[in-house]
Amino acid sequence: MSDFDVIIIGGGPAGLTAGLFLARARRRVVILEKESFGGPVLNCDKIEDYPGFGQGVSGAQLVGEMLEQATGAGAEIESKEVTEIENFSSTRSVSCTDGSTITAPIVILTGGTHHRDLGVPGEQKLKGSGIFHCAYCEGGEVLGKIAAVCGGGDAALTGALYLSTLANHVYVIDSAHSLSATAILQERVRANPNITVLNDAKVAAVVGDSRVTGIEVVKSGGAKDLIAVDGVLVHAGTEANTDYLASLFDLDDDGRIKVNQRMETDIPFILAAGDIRVGAPGRIVAAAGDGAIAGTTAEDLLKQLE
């Protein structure tokens, strides 16, 4: 007999929602998370586009309520990092860094993503010395100073707006011709005198010896500028947390997994949901929706197996 009916790998909104649905169906389900349950959502100061919270909700509050609801329904949670999944005829075997192995007929992958690096000179040398990925965690580094934000999506502009309350000025550097963030965020940024947006521009290098002192920016025509900044918030896209799955799946360029409308992968009884899948919109509410679909599909599959 398997240890569980379903193993969920990843404790973000998709994983917690899938766990909730399966626990309410009275299935034996465990959610494995290698870091903090909730993932990057925990670092969101205010989420404004999740239904049911008219004044917005902090990431910590939202995750706390999701976690309480899933575990209250009966889902088990464990802090473990998965290293390998073996696919057998009647069960899936999940190996972890602590040497443990857990089995279940169905596995749901909800491991989410991590921030992509800029891949420019100076970046690796100055990581932790002015280069960061979380405005709310490390924004204090630019208090009363000058900050740069790389990216033009929702995460980048939300970070820029927060940093504008701390820094003397914020530069938003976006390689696209126009920002891709939600219109309301663009409106707030454009109306903020403390933020300057530079479109059609790319950061070519991060400058500094022991700490960030500036960025080299290349504009669309090839002209280069050196902008003095004291910190760089990087939101240059994301890559899926799927390195350990490379031998199982044909991943896309961002490490994401192809699924059908039921969140089923090409491997029977292994599902994928949330930002880890191809085509994910990168929204918390969408990840939760994926988790609901994956949980429902897993329940259907369990009934078929019975």
Protein backbone atom coordinates (compact mmCIF):
# COMPACT_ATOMS: atom_id res chain seq x y z
CA MET A 1 0.00 0.00 0.00
CA SER A 2 1.25 3.49 -0.85
CA ASP A 3 2.06 6.02 1.88
CA PHE A 4 -0.50 8.50 0.50
CA ASP A 5 -3.14 8.80 -2.20
CA VAL A 6 -1.55 11.97 -3.59
CA ILE A 7 1.80 13.67 -3.10
CA ILE A 8 1.88 17.40 -3.88
CA ILE A 9 5.34 18.88 -4.45
CA GLY A 10 5.25 22.60 -3.75
CA GLY A 11 3.45 24.57 -1.04
CA GLY A 12 2.35 27.70 -2.88
CA PRO A 13 -1.23 28.69 -3.80
CA ALA A 14 -1.56 25.91 -6.40
CA GLY A 15 -0.32 23.20 -4.05
CA LEU A 16 -2.33 24.38 -1.06
CA THR A 17 -5.52 24.59 -3.13
CA ALA A 18 -5.01 21.13 -4.61
CA GLY A 19 -4.36 19.82 -1.12
CA LEU A 20 -7.54 21.45 0.17
CA PHE A 21 -9.71 19.88 -2.54
CA LEU A 22 -8.24 16.42 -2.01
CA ALA A 23 -8.41 16.62 1.77
CA ARG A 24 -12.07 17.62 1.57
CA ALA A 25 -12.59 14.51 -0.58
CA ARG A 26 -11.08 12.61 2.37
CA ARG A 27 -8.01 11.55 0.45
CA ARG A 28 -4.66 10.93 2.13
CA VAL A 29 -2.64 13.85 0.78
CA VAL A 30 0.71 15.35 1.75
CA ILE A 31 2.16 18.68 0.59
CA LEU A 32 5.97 18.85 0.43
CA GLU A 33 7.72 22.22 0.49
CA LYS A 34 11.48 22.75 0.55
CA GLU A 35 11.42 26.34 1.83
CA SER A 36 8.53 28.38 3.23
CA PHE A 37 4.92 27.43 2.56
CA GLY A 38 3.47 30.09 0.31
CA GLY A 39 6.71 30.70 -1.58
CA PRO A 40 7.26 34.17 -3.09
CA VAL A 41 3.68 35.14 -2.24
CA LEU A 42 4.83 35.56 1.37
CA ASN A 43 6.91 38.55 0.28
CA CYS A 44 3.97 40.44 -1.26
CA ASP A 45 3.16 43.50 0.84
CA LYS A 46 -0.30 43.91 -0.67
CA ILE A 47 -2.19 41.77 -3.19
CA GLU A 48 -4.97 43.72 -4.86
CA ASP A 49 -6.24 41.33 -7.54
CA TYR A 50 -7.26 38.32 -5.44
CA PRO A 51 -11.08 38.14 -5.28
CA GLY A 52 -12.73 38.59 -1.92
CA PHE A 53 -10.33 41.16 -0.51
CA GLY A 54 -11.67 44.59 -1.51
CA GLN A 55 -8.91 46.48 0.28
CA GLY A 56 -6.19 44.05 -0.71
CA VAL A 57 -4.49 41.41 1.43
CA SER A 58 -0.90 40.79 2.45
CA GLY A 59 0.81 37.71 1.07
CA ALA A 60 1.47 36.43 4.58
CA GLN A 61 -2.21 36.69 5.52
CA LEU A 62 -3.42 35.04 2.33
CA VAL A 63 -0.95 32.16 2.64
CA GLY A 64 -1.73 31.76 6.33
CA GLU A 65 -5.42 31.36 5.62
CA MET A 66 -4.80 28.97 2.71
CA LEU A 67 -2.50 26.84 4.85
CA GLU A 68 -4.92 26.79 7.77
CA GLN A 69 -7.79 25.81 5.48
CA ALA A 70 -5.87 22.97 3.81
CA THR A 71 -4.50 21.49 7.02
CA GLY A 72 -7.82 22.01 8.77
CA ALA A 73 -9.43 19.83 6.12
CA GLY A 74 -6.86 17.11 6.75
CA ALA A 75 -3.97 17.74 4.37
CA GLU A 76 -0.57 16.88 5.85
CA ILE A 77 2.42 19.15 5.31
CA GLU A 78 6.12 18.32 5.48
CA SER A 79 9.26 20.39 4.96
CA LYS A 80 11.20 18.33 2.43
CA GLU A 81 13.16 18.95 -0.76
CA VAL A 82 12.48 16.48 -3.55
CA THR A 83 15.40 15.19 -5.60
CA GLU A 84 13.81 12.57 -7.84
CA ILE A 85 10.51 11.03 -8.94
CA GLU A 86 10.43 7.42 -10.12
CA ASN A 87 7.47 6.31 -12.18
CA PHE A 88 6.32 2.73 -11.69
CA SER A 89 3.28 0.93 -13.08
CA SER A 90 1.11 1.26 -9.98
CA THR A 91 2.82 3.97 -7.94
CA ARG A 92 5.05 7.00 -8.03
CA SER A 93 8.07 7.14 -5.68
CA VAL A 94 9.36 10.52 -4.47
CA SER A 95 12.90 10.72 -3.04
CA CYS A 96 13.98 13.60 -0.79
CA THR A 97 17.29 15.12 0.31
CA ASP A 98 16.86 13.78 3.84
CA GLY A 99 17.01 10.23 2.49
CA SER A 100 13.30 9.53 2.85
CA THR A 101 11.10 8.06 0.13
CA ILE A 102 7.34 8.62 -0.12
CA THR A 103 4.97 6.76 -2.43
CA ALA A 104 1.56 7.51 -3.91
CA PRO A 105 -0.32 6.57 -7.09
CA ILE A 106 -0.62 10.25 -8.06
CA VAL A 107 1.83 13.17 -7.88
CA ILE A 108 0.96 16.83 -8.47
CA LEU A 109 3.84 19.18 -9.30
CA THR A 110 3.29 22.72 -8.01
CA GLY A 111 6.88 23.81 -7.35
CA GLY A 112 6.50 27.29 -8.81
CA THR A 113 9.34 29.39 -10.16
CA HIS A 114 12.44 31.37 -9.22
CA HIS A 115 13.70 34.72 -10.50
CA ARG A 116 15.82 34.73 -13.63
CA ASP A 117 19.13 36.56 -13.44
CA LEU A 118 20.01 39.38 -15.81
CA GLY A 119 23.09 37.51 -16.97
CA VAL A 120 25.24 40.63 -17.25
CA PRO A 121 28.77 41.44 -16.04
CA GLY A 122 29.00 42.38 -12.38
CA GLU A 123 25.72 40.73 -11.40
CA GLN A 124 27.06 37.60 -9.73
CA LYS A 125 29.86 39.46 -7.99
CA LEU A 126 27.46 41.97 -6.43
CA LYS A 127 24.60 39.64 -5.48
CA GLY A 128 23.72 40.43 -1.90
CA SER A 129 25.60 43.72 -2.13
CA GLY A 130 22.96 45.85 -3.79
CA ILE A 131 21.35 43.34 -6.16
CA PHE A 132 18.13 41.79 -4.87
CA HIS A 133 14.86 40.15 -5.99
CA CYS A 134 12.49 41.12 -3.17
CA ALA A 135 11.64 44.79 -2.65
CA TYR A 136 9.92 44.18 0.68
CA CYS A 137 12.70 42.01 2.09
CA GLU A 138 15.69 44.09 1.07
CA GLY A 139 14.30 47.48 0.08
CA GLY A 140 15.88 49.04 3.15
CA GLU A 141 19.20 48.88 1.31
CA VAL A 142 18.14 51.86 -0.81
CA LEU A 143 16.61 53.97 1.95
CA GLY A 144 17.35 57.58 1.05
CA LYS A 145 19.34 56.44 -2.00
CA ILE A 146 18.83 55.73 -5.71
CA ALA A 147 17.34 52.43 -6.94
CA ALA A 148 16.88 50.75 -10.29
CA VAL A 149 14.21 48.16 -11.15
CA CYS A 150 14.77 45.83 -14.10
CA GLY A 151 11.53 44.75 -15.76
CA GLY A 152 8.16 46.12 -16.85
CA GLY A 153 5.66 43.60 -15.52
CA ASP A 154 3.42 43.67 -12.47
CA ALA A 155 6.10 42.44 -10.07
CA ALA A 156 8.59 45.05 -11.28
CA LEU A 157 6.17 47.97 -11.05
CA THR A 158 4.79 46.88 -7.70
CA GLY A 159 8.36 46.76 -6.43
CA ALA A 160 9.14 50.14 -7.94
CA LEU A 161 6.13 51.73 -6.24
CA TYR A 162 7.19 50.31 -2.89
CA LEU A 163 10.82 51.38 -3.33
CA SER A 164 9.66 54.88 -4.25
CA THR A 165 8.48 55.26 -0.63
CA LEU A 166 12.02 54.54 0.58
CA ALA A 167 14.45 55.72 -2.06
CA ASN A 168 15.12 59.26 -3.23
CA HIS A 169 14.45 58.13 -6.79
CA VAL A 170 13.69 54.94 -8.71
CA TYR A 171 14.56 54.13 -12.33
CA VAL A 172 12.49 51.46 -14.09
CA ILE A 173 14.52 49.90 -16.91
CA ASP A 174 12.45 47.91 -19.42
CA SER A 175 13.75 46.41 -22.65
CA ALA A 176 10.30 46.43 -24.26
CA HIS A 177 8.85 49.40 -26.14
CA SER A 178 6.04 49.68 -23.58
CA LEU A 179 5.40 48.36 -20.10
CA SER A 180 3.52 45.07 -19.82
CA ALA A 181 2.13 45.57 -16.31
CA THR A 182 -1.55 45.97 -15.49
CA ALA A 183 -2.90 49.36 -16.56
CA ILE A 184 -3.63 50.54 -13.02
CA LEU A 185 -0.03 49.91 -11.98
CA GLN A 186 1.25 51.76 -15.04
CA GLU A 187 -0.97 54.72 -14.12
CA ARG A 188 0.43 54.82 -10.60
CA VAL A 189 4.01 54.63 -11.82
CA ARG A 190 3.56 57.32 -14.48
CA ALA A 191 1.95 59.62 -11.89
CA ASN A 192 4.74 59.08 -9.37
CA PRO A 193 7.30 61.92 -9.54
CA ASN A 194 9.80 59.70 -7.76
CA ILE A 195 9.91 57.16 -10.62
CA THR A 196 11.49 57.49 -14.07
CA VAL A 197 10.63 54.87 -16.70
CA LEU A 198 13.16 54.06 -19.42
CA ASN A 199 11.71 51.86 -22.17
CA ASP A 200 13.68 50.31 -25.04
CA ALA A 201 16.63 50.06 -22.67
CA LYS A 202 18.62 47.16 -21.28
CA VAL A 203 20.98 46.85 -18.36
CA ALA A 204 24.27 45.75 -19.93
CA ALA A 205 26.35 45.64 -16.74
CA VAL A 206 26.21 46.28 -13.03
CA VAL A 207 29.01 48.48 -11.77
CA GLY A 208 30.73 48.46 -8.39
CA ASP A 209 33.58 46.94 -6.44
CA SER A 210 32.22 45.76 -3.10
CA ARG A 211 28.74 47.26 -3.59
CA VAL A 212 26.56 48.42 -6.47
CA THR A 213 27.40 51.97 -7.54
CA GLY A 214 25.74 52.10 -10.95
CA ILE A 215 24.33 50.35 -14.00
CA GLU A 216 25.36 50.56 -17.62
CA VAL A 217 22.24 51.01 -19.75
CA VAL A 218 22.10 50.46 -23.52
CA LYS A 219 19.26 52.14 -25.39
CA SER A 220 17.62 50.86 -28.58
CA GLY A 221 19.83 52.98 -30.82
CA GLY A 222 22.98 51.61 -29.20
CA ALA A 223 23.78 54.63 -27.04
CA LYS A 224 25.14 53.80 -23.60
CA ASP A 225 24.55 55.60 -20.32
CA LEU A 226 26.03 55.05 -16.89
CA ILE A 227 23.37 55.69 -14.24
CA ALA A 228 24.47 56.00 -10.63
CA VAL A 229 22.33 53.74 -8.42
CA ASP A 230 22.80 52.14 -5.02
CA GLY A 231 20.60 49.08 -5.53
CA VAL A 232 19.09 47.00 -8.32
CA LEU A 233 15.81 45.10 -8.00
CA VAL A 234 15.78 42.36 -10.65
CA HIS A 235 12.46 41.21 -12.09
CA ALA A 236 13.62 39.91 -15.45
CA GLY A 237 11.25 37.00 -15.71
CA THR A 238 11.12 33.61 -14.04
CA GLU A 239 12.18 30.01 -14.57
CA ALA A 240 10.37 26.96 -13.24
CA ASN A 241 11.78 24.94 -10.35
CA THR A 242 12.09 21.79 -12.42
CA ASP A 243 15.80 20.95 -12.57
CA TYR A 244 15.16 17.61 -10.88
CA LEU A 245 12.52 16.78 -13.51
CA ALA A 246 14.66 17.21 -16.62
CA SER A 247 15.00 13.45 -17.13
CA LEU A 248 11.23 12.92 -16.93
CA PHE A 249 9.83 15.71 -19.10
CA ASP A 250 10.60 17.63 -22.26
CA LEU A 251 10.70 21.06 -20.60
CA ASP A 252 10.37 24.37 -22.46
CA ASP A 253 13.08 27.06 -22.46
CA ASP A 254 11.90 28.35 -19.08
CA GLY A 255 11.79 24.88 -17.55
CA ARG A 256 8.01 24.65 -17.64
CA ILE A 257 5.94 21.51 -18.13
CA LYS A 258 3.30 21.01 -20.82
CA VAL A 259 -0.14 20.00 -19.52
CA ASN A 260 -3.66 19.55 -20.89
CA GLN A 261 -6.78 21.31 -19.64
CA ARG A 262 -7.04 18.84 -16.77
CA MET A 263 -3.47 19.66 -15.66
CA GLU A 264 -2.28 16.22 -16.78
CA THR A 265 1.28 15.89 -18.08
CA ASP A 266 2.47 13.42 -20.72
CA ILE A 267 3.16 10.94 -17.91
CA PRO A 268 0.00 9.25 -16.59
CA PHE A 269 -0.87 10.06 -12.97
CA ILE A 270 1.61 12.96 -12.77
CA LEU A 271 -0.05 16.37 -12.91
CA ALA A 272 1.40 19.90 -12.93
CA ALA A 273 -0.31 23.12 -11.85
CA GLY A 274 0.44 26.77 -11.23
CA ASP A 275 3.44 28.72 -12.52
CA ILE A 276 5.35 25.50 -13.18
CA ARG A 277 3.22 24.74 -16.26
CA VAL A 278 3.52 26.05 -19.81
CA GLY A 279 1.20 29.00 -20.41
CA ALA A 280 0.69 29.92 -16.76
CA PRO A 281 -0.34 33.60 -16.49
CA GLY A 282 1.71 34.16 -13.36
CA ARG A 283 -1.19 35.30 -11.15
CA ILE A 284 -1.91 34.03 -7.67
CA VAL A 285 -5.60 33.57 -8.41
CA ALA A 286 -4.73 31.60 -11.58
CA ALA A 287 -2.37 29.34 -9.63
CA ALA A 288 -5.13 28.64 -7.11
CA GLY A 289 -7.49 27.87 -10.00
CA ASP A 290 -4.95 25.44 -11.46
CA GLY A 291 -4.69 23.77 -8.07
CA ALA A 292 -8.46 23.31 -7.93
CA ILE A 293 -8.44 21.69 -11.37
CA ALA A 294 -5.49 19.45 -10.47
CA GLY A 295 -7.15 18.39 -7.23
CA THR A 296 -10.38 17.56 -9.03
CA THR A 297 -8.52 15.63 -11.74
CA ALA A 298 -6.56 13.68 -9.14
CA GLU A 299 -9.80 12.72 -7.39
CA ASP A 300 -11.25 11.50 -10.71
CA LEU A 301 -8.12 9.43 -11.37
CA LEU A 302 -8.23 7.89 -7.91
CA LYS A 303 -11.83 6.80 -8.51
CA GLN A 304 -10.75 5.20 -11.79
CA LEU A 305 -7.96 3.34 -10.03
CA GLU A 306 -10.42 2.03 -7.46
